[in-house]
């Protein structure tokens, strides 16, 4: 029988720094889908606040902070990133930890890098801290959340991690070359 070695989605690919930006991997304890039952969103939000200090997010928003964040994913669905949750009355929970790769792009030029790849206006005046969107990174489904003035968390399917790193690193190089001119 073969001995299996656990690897992270971006093993051997990150961290990567180009110009003013750094792309690194985020490794939470868990990624859990939280889906309130019909009419139970308020109760689920209250339970999350009591247990983790963060509520169920409104559409296109994220609650919490580093280490415990709840990210809107679809109507009546969010991803709890960080802690492994206890059961929540009135909600369906599903462990998604092995299905996703999370990367953090930080640095003064990160909006310029992402503008080459993502069809969303990410300027700070429009896409503020705590805003999140389900969109595309070129041809890949993506969840993007602004976590700071010059910081974004990017979630892609684990199977697309290598391609996402390739696409983002290429955009980082192009943005850095443009600044150097």
C-alpha atoms as a PDB file:
ATOM      1  CA  UNK A   1       0.000   0.000   0.000  1.00  0.00           C
ATOM      2  CA  UNK A   2       1.263   3.469  -0.866  1.00  0.00           C
ATOM      3  CA  UNK A   3       2.000   5.990   1.848  1.00  0.00           C
ATOM      4  CA  UNK A   4       0.062   9.162   1.117  1.00  0.00           C
ATOM      5  CA  UNK A   5       1.515  12.542   1.980  1.00  0.00           C
ATOM      6  CA  UNK A   6      -0.887  15.376   2.681  1.00  0.00           C
ATOM      7  CA  UNK A   7      -0.187  18.457   0.588  1.00  0.00           C
ATOM      8  CA  UNK A   8      -1.775  21.871   0.628  1.00  0.00           C
ATOM      9  CA  UNK A   9      -3.475  23.084  -2.566  1.00  0.00           C
ATOM     10  CA  UNK A  10      -0.607  25.491  -3.366  1.00  0.00           C
ATOM     11  CA  UNK A  11       2.240  23.298  -2.075  1.00  0.00           C
ATOM     12  CA  UNK A  12       5.502  24.328  -3.715  1.00  0.00           C
ATOM     13  CA  UNK A  13       3.868  27.231  -5.573  1.00  0.00           C
ATOM     14  CA  UNK A  14       3.575  29.909  -2.906  1.00  0.00           C
ATOM     15  CA  UNK A  15       4.563  32.309  -1.430  1.00  0.00           C
ATOM     16  CA  UNK A  16       5.480  34.470  -4.391  1.00  0.00           C
ATOM     17  CA  UNK A  17       6.523  38.139  -4.363  1.00  0.00           C
ATOM     18  CA  UNK A  18       6.703  40.272  -7.492  1.00  0.00           C
ATOM     19  CA  UNK A  19       7.012  44.042  -7.449  1.00  0.00           C
ATOM     20  CA  UNK A  20       4.940  45.420  -4.575  1.00  0.00           C
ATOM     21  CA  UNK A  21       2.674  42.362  -4.272  1.00  0.00           C
ATOM     22  CA  UNK A  22       2.867  39.066  -2.433  1.00  0.00           C
ATOM     23  CA  UNK A  23       0.681  36.040  -3.099  1.00  0.00           C
ATOM     24  CA  UNK A  24       0.520  33.542  -0.234  1.00  0.00           C
ATOM     25  CA  UNK A  25      -1.563  30.544   0.729  1.00  0.00           C
ATOM     26  CA  UNK A  26      -4.115  30.737   3.546  1.00  0.00           C
ATOM     27  CA  UNK A  27      -4.540  27.501   5.494  1.00  0.00           C
ATOM     28  CA  UNK A  28      -7.609  27.664   7.760  1.00  0.00           C
ATOM     29  CA  UNK A  29      -8.526  24.907  10.206  1.00  0.00           C
ATOM     30  CA  UNK A  30     -11.690  24.300   8.183  1.00  0.00           C
ATOM     31  CA  UNK A  31     -13.936  25.609   5.429  1.00  0.00           C
ATOM     32  CA  UNK A  32     -17.573  24.818   6.187  1.00  0.00           C
ATOM     33  CA  UNK A  33     -20.645  25.535   4.097  1.00  0.00           C
ATOM     34  CA  UNK A  34     -23.425  26.991   6.275  1.00  0.00           C
ATOM     35  CA  UNK A  35     -26.955  26.934   4.846  1.00  0.00           C
ATOM     36  CA  UNK A  36     -29.799  28.145   7.071  1.00  0.00           C
ATOM     37  CA  UNK A  37     -33.121  26.390   6.678  1.00  0.00           C
ATOM     38  CA  UNK A  38     -36.009  28.477   5.366  1.00  0.00           C
ATOM     39  CA  UNK A  39     -36.845  31.213   7.852  1.00  0.00           C
ATOM     40  CA  UNK A  40     -33.903  30.376  10.138  1.00  0.00           C
ATOM     41  CA  UNK A  41     -31.295  32.886   8.911  1.00  0.00           C
ATOM     42  CA  UNK A  42     -31.671  35.195  11.921  1.00  0.00           C
ATOM     43  CA  UNK A  43     -31.433  32.294  14.401  1.00  0.00           C
ATOM     44  CA  UNK A  44     -28.365  30.897  12.599  1.00  0.00           C
ATOM     45  CA  UNK A  45     -26.751  34.342  12.573  1.00  0.00           C
ATOM     46  CA  UNK A  46     -27.413  34.715  16.315  1.00  0.00           C
ATOM     47  CA  UNK A  47     -25.912  31.260  16.963  1.00  0.00           C
ATOM     48  CA  UNK A  48     -22.805  32.138  14.945  1.00  0.00           C
ATOM     49  CA  UNK A  49     -22.436  35.417  16.864  1.00  0.00           C
ATOM     50  CA  UNK A  50     -22.715  33.632  20.187  1.00  0.00           C
ATOM     51  CA  UNK A  51     -20.290  30.825  19.243  1.00  0.00           C
ATOM     52  CA  UNK A  52     -17.779  32.659  17.028  1.00  0.00           C
ATOM     53  CA  UNK A  53     -18.385  36.385  17.322  1.00  0.00           C
ATOM     54  CA  UNK A  54     -19.535  36.765  13.711  1.00  0.00           C
ATOM     55  CA  UNK A  55     -22.949  36.710  12.088  1.00  0.00           C
ATOM     56  CA  UNK A  56     -24.330  35.202   8.904  1.00  0.00           C
ATOM     57  CA  UNK A  57     -23.359  37.658   6.143  1.00  0.00           C
ATOM     58  CA  UNK A  58     -25.617  39.743   3.962  1.00  0.00           C
ATOM     59  CA  UNK A  59     -25.317  39.213   0.188  1.00  0.00           C
ATOM     60  CA  UNK A  60     -21.876  40.186  -1.153  1.00  0.00           C
ATOM     61  CA  UNK A  61     -20.459  40.721   2.336  1.00  0.00           C
ATOM     62  CA  UNK A  62     -18.200  38.900   4.776  1.00  0.00           C
ATOM     63  CA  UNK A  63     -18.264  39.030   8.559  1.00  0.00           C
ATOM     64  CA  UNK A  64     -15.525  38.337  11.072  1.00  0.00           C
ATOM     65  CA  UNK A  65     -11.791  38.734  10.643  1.00  0.00           C
ATOM     66  CA  UNK A  66      -8.555  36.807  10.238  1.00  0.00           C
ATOM     67  CA  UNK A  67      -8.943  33.347  11.760  1.00  0.00           C
ATOM     68  CA  UNK A  68     -12.759  33.349  11.711  1.00  0.00           C
ATOM     69  CA  UNK A  69     -14.571  34.749   8.692  1.00  0.00           C
ATOM     70  CA  UNK A  70     -18.025  33.988   7.269  1.00  0.00           C
ATOM     71  CA  UNK A  71     -18.209  34.731   3.531  1.00  0.00           C
ATOM     72  CA  UNK A  72     -21.433  35.077   1.529  1.00  0.00           C
ATOM     73  CA  UNK A  73     -21.423  32.492  -1.259  1.00  0.00           C
ATOM     74  CA  UNK A  74     -24.970  32.355  -2.623  1.00  0.00           C
ATOM     75  CA  UNK A  75     -28.511  33.054  -1.450  1.00  0.00           C
ATOM     76  CA  UNK A  76     -28.859  31.278   1.914  1.00  0.00           C
ATOM     77  CA  UNK A  77     -25.294  29.941   1.770  1.00  0.00           C
ATOM     78  CA  UNK A  78     -22.041  31.121   3.318  1.00  0.00           C
ATOM     79  CA  UNK A  79     -18.609  29.636   3.911  1.00  0.00           C
ATOM     80  CA  UNK A  80     -17.275  29.692   7.449  1.00  0.00           C
ATOM     81  CA  UNK A  81     -13.494  29.916   7.047  1.00  0.00           C
ATOM     82  CA  UNK A  82     -11.344  29.192  10.077  1.00  0.00           C
ATOM     83  CA  UNK A  83     -12.913  27.434  13.032  1.00  0.00           C
ATOM     84  CA  UNK A  84     -14.492  23.996  12.935  1.00  0.00           C
ATOM     85  CA  UNK A  85     -18.092  24.749  13.913  1.00  0.00           C
ATOM     86  CA  UNK A  86     -20.268  22.935  16.376  1.00  0.00           C
ATOM     87  CA  UNK A  87     -23.676  21.906  15.032  1.00  0.00           C
ATOM     88  CA  UNK A  88     -25.996  24.895  14.511  1.00  0.00           C
ATOM     89  CA  UNK A  89     -29.706  24.360  15.042  1.00  0.00           C
ATOM     90  CA  UNK A  90     -31.597  25.363  11.909  1.00  0.00           C
ATOM     91  CA  UNK A  91     -28.614  25.085   9.546  1.00  0.00           C
ATOM     92  CA  UNK A  92     -27.054  22.475   7.322  1.00  0.00           C
ATOM     93  CA  UNK A  93     -23.276  22.298   7.661  1.00  0.00           C
ATOM     94  CA  UNK A  94     -20.961  20.607   5.181  1.00  0.00           C
ATOM     95  CA  UNK A  95     -17.171  20.367   5.416  1.00  0.00           C
ATOM     96  CA  UNK A  96     -15.642  21.846   2.250  1.00  0.00           C
ATOM     97  CA  UNK A  97     -12.036  22.009   3.487  1.00  0.00           C
ATOM     98  CA  UNK A  98     -10.539  19.673   0.898  1.00  0.00           C
ATOM     99  CA  UNK A  99     -12.353  21.296  -2.026  1.00  0.00           C
ATOM    100  CA  UNK A 100     -10.961  24.829  -1.934  1.00  0.00           C
ATOM    101  CA  UNK A 101      -7.696  26.730  -2.192  1.00  0.00           C
ATOM    102  CA  UNK A 102      -7.438  30.123  -0.514  1.00  0.00           C
ATOM    103  CA  UNK A 103      -4.781  32.623  -1.525  1.00  0.00           C
ATOM    104  CA  UNK A 104      -4.097  36.104  -0.201  1.00  0.00           C
ATOM    105  CA  UNK A 105      -2.849  38.850  -2.514  1.00  0.00           C
ATOM    106  CA  UNK A 106      -1.344  41.768  -0.593  1.00  0.00           C
ATOM    107  CA  UNK A 107       0.512  44.875  -1.586  1.00  0.00           C
ATOM    108  CA  UNK A 108       0.162  48.394  -2.935  1.00  0.00           C
ATOM    109  CA  UNK A 109      -0.454  47.219  -6.515  1.00  0.00           C
ATOM    110  CA  UNK A 110      -2.857  44.357  -5.844  1.00  0.00           C
ATOM    111  CA  UNK A 111      -5.879  46.106  -7.389  1.00  0.00           C
ATOM    112  CA  UNK A 112      -3.861  46.697 -10.596  1.00  0.00           C
ATOM    113  CA  UNK A 113      -2.909  43.003 -10.665  1.00  0.00           C
ATOM    114  CA  UNK A 114      -6.485  41.803 -10.161  1.00  0.00           C
ATOM    115  CA  UNK A 115      -7.895  44.293 -12.700  1.00  0.00           C
ATOM    116  CA  UNK A 116      -6.128  42.235 -15.391  1.00  0.00           C
ATOM    117  CA  UNK A 117      -7.987  39.077 -14.360  1.00  0.00           C
ATOM    118  CA  UNK A 118     -11.314  39.859 -12.693  1.00  0.00           C
ATOM    119  CA  UNK A 119     -14.328  41.696 -14.205  1.00  0.00           C
ATOM    120  CA  UNK A 120     -15.218  43.490 -10.951  1.00  0.00           C
ATOM    121  CA  UNK A 121     -14.433  47.072  -9.949  1.00  0.00           C
ATOM    122  CA  UNK A 122     -12.136  46.492  -6.958  1.00  0.00           C
ATOM    123  CA  UNK A 123     -11.269  50.123  -6.226  1.00  0.00           C
ATOM    124  CA  UNK A 124     -11.460  50.808  -2.484  1.00  0.00           C
ATOM    125  CA  UNK A 125     -14.178  53.432  -3.015  1.00  0.00           C
ATOM    126  CA  UNK A 126     -16.462  50.765  -4.538  1.00  0.00           C
ATOM    127  CA  UNK A 127     -15.339  47.381  -3.171  1.00  0.00           C
ATOM    128  CA  UNK A 128     -14.691  48.085   0.505  1.00  0.00           C
ATOM    129  CA  UNK A 129     -13.246  45.968   3.284  1.00  0.00           C
ATOM    130  CA  UNK A 130     -15.694  43.146   4.015  1.00  0.00           C
ATOM    131  CA  UNK A 131     -17.134  43.175   0.489  1.00  0.00           C
ATOM    132  CA  UNK A 132     -17.119  39.870  -1.345  1.00  0.00           C
ATOM    133  CA  UNK A 133     -18.145  38.697  -4.806  1.00  0.00           C
ATOM    134  CA  UNK A 134     -18.580  35.463  -6.692  1.00  0.00           C
ATOM    135  CA  UNK A 135     -17.051  36.093 -10.094  1.00  0.00           C
ATOM    136  CA  UNK A 136     -14.467  34.719 -12.519  1.00  0.00           C
ATOM    137  CA  UNK A 137     -10.681  34.763 -12.507  1.00  0.00           C
ATOM    138  CA  UNK A 138     -10.256  34.517 -16.261  1.00  0.00           C
ATOM    139  CA  UNK A 139     -12.118  31.227 -16.860  1.00  0.00           C
ATOM    140  CA  UNK A 140     -12.209  29.944 -13.244  1.00  0.00           C
ATOM    141  CA  UNK A 141     -15.005  30.430 -10.701  1.00  0.00           C
ATOM    142  CA  UNK A 142     -13.747  32.645  -7.881  1.00  0.00           C
ATOM    143  CA  UNK A 143     -14.802  34.101  -4.566  1.00  0.00           C
ATOM    144  CA  UNK A 144     -12.952  37.322  -3.773  1.00  0.00           C
ATOM    145  CA  UNK A 145     -13.098  39.169  -0.445  1.00  0.00           C
ATOM    146  CA  UNK A 146     -11.392  42.439   0.436  1.00  0.00           C
ATOM    147  CA  UNK A 147      -9.696  41.865   3.798  1.00  0.00           C
ATOM    148  CA  UNK A 148      -7.770  45.131   4.044  1.00  0.00           C
ATOM    149  CA  UNK A 149      -6.797  48.316   2.216  1.00  0.00           C
ATOM    150  CA  UNK A 150      -4.358  46.373   0.014  1.00  0.00           C
ATOM    151  CA  UNK A 151      -5.359  42.782   0.696  1.00  0.00           C
ATOM    152  CA  UNK A 152      -7.742  40.285  -0.928  1.00  0.00           C
ATOM    153  CA  UNK A 153      -8.558  36.654  -0.173  1.00  0.00           C
ATOM    154  CA  UNK A 154      -9.155  34.583  -3.296  1.00  0.00           C
ATOM    155  CA  UNK A 155     -10.954  31.215  -3.177  1.00  0.00           C
ATOM    156  CA  UNK A 156     -10.851  28.814  -6.125  1.00  0.00           C
ATOM    157  CA  UNK A 157     -11.596  25.126  -6.413  1.00  0.00           C
ATOM    158  CA  UNK A 158      -8.607  23.115  -5.199  1.00  0.00           C
ATOM    159  CA  UNK A 159      -8.270  21.479  -8.616  1.00  0.00           C
ATOM    160  CA  UNK A 160      -7.696  24.938 -10.133  1.00  0.00           C
ATOM    161  CA  UNK A 161      -5.083  26.152  -7.636  1.00  0.00           C
ATOM    162  CA  UNK A 162      -2.065  25.661  -9.918  1.00  0.00           C
ATOM    163  CA  UNK A 163      -3.778  27.462 -12.813  1.00  0.00           C
ATOM    164  CA  UNK A 164      -4.900  30.309 -10.529  1.00  0.00           C
ATOM    165  CA  UNK A 165      -1.347  30.788  -9.219  1.00  0.00           C
ATOM    166  CA  UNK A 166      -0.053  30.782 -12.808  1.00  0.00           C
ATOM    167  CA  UNK A 167      -2.608  33.393 -13.925  1.00  0.00           C
ATOM    168  CA  UNK A 168      -2.086  35.652 -10.886  1.00  0.00           C
ATOM    169  CA  UNK A 169       1.717  35.435 -11.036  1.00  0.00           C
ATOM    170  CA  UNK A 170       1.617  36.390 -14.725  1.00  0.00           C
ATOM    171  CA  UNK A 171      -0.535  39.427 -13.915  1.00  0.00           C
ATOM    172  CA  UNK A 172       1.820  40.320 -11.041  1.00  0.00           C
ATOM    173  CA  UNK A 173       4.774  40.311 -13.460  1.00  0.00           C
ATOM    174  CA  UNK A 174       2.917  42.440 -16.016  1.00  0.00           C
ATOM    175  CA  UNK A 175       1.818  44.986 -13.392  1.00  0.00           C
ATOM    176  CA  UNK A 176       5.363  45.184 -11.964  1.00  0.00           C
ATOM    177  CA  UNK A 177       6.843  45.670 -15.441  1.00  0.00           C
ATOM    178  CA  UNK A 178       4.376  48.484 -16.145  1.00  0.00           C
ATOM    179  CA  UNK A 179       5.381  50.255 -12.891  1.00  0.00           C
ATOM    180  CA  UNK A 180       9.072  49.889 -13.793  1.00  0.00           C
ATOM    181  CA  UNK A 181       8.639  51.829 -17.071  1.00  0.00           C
END
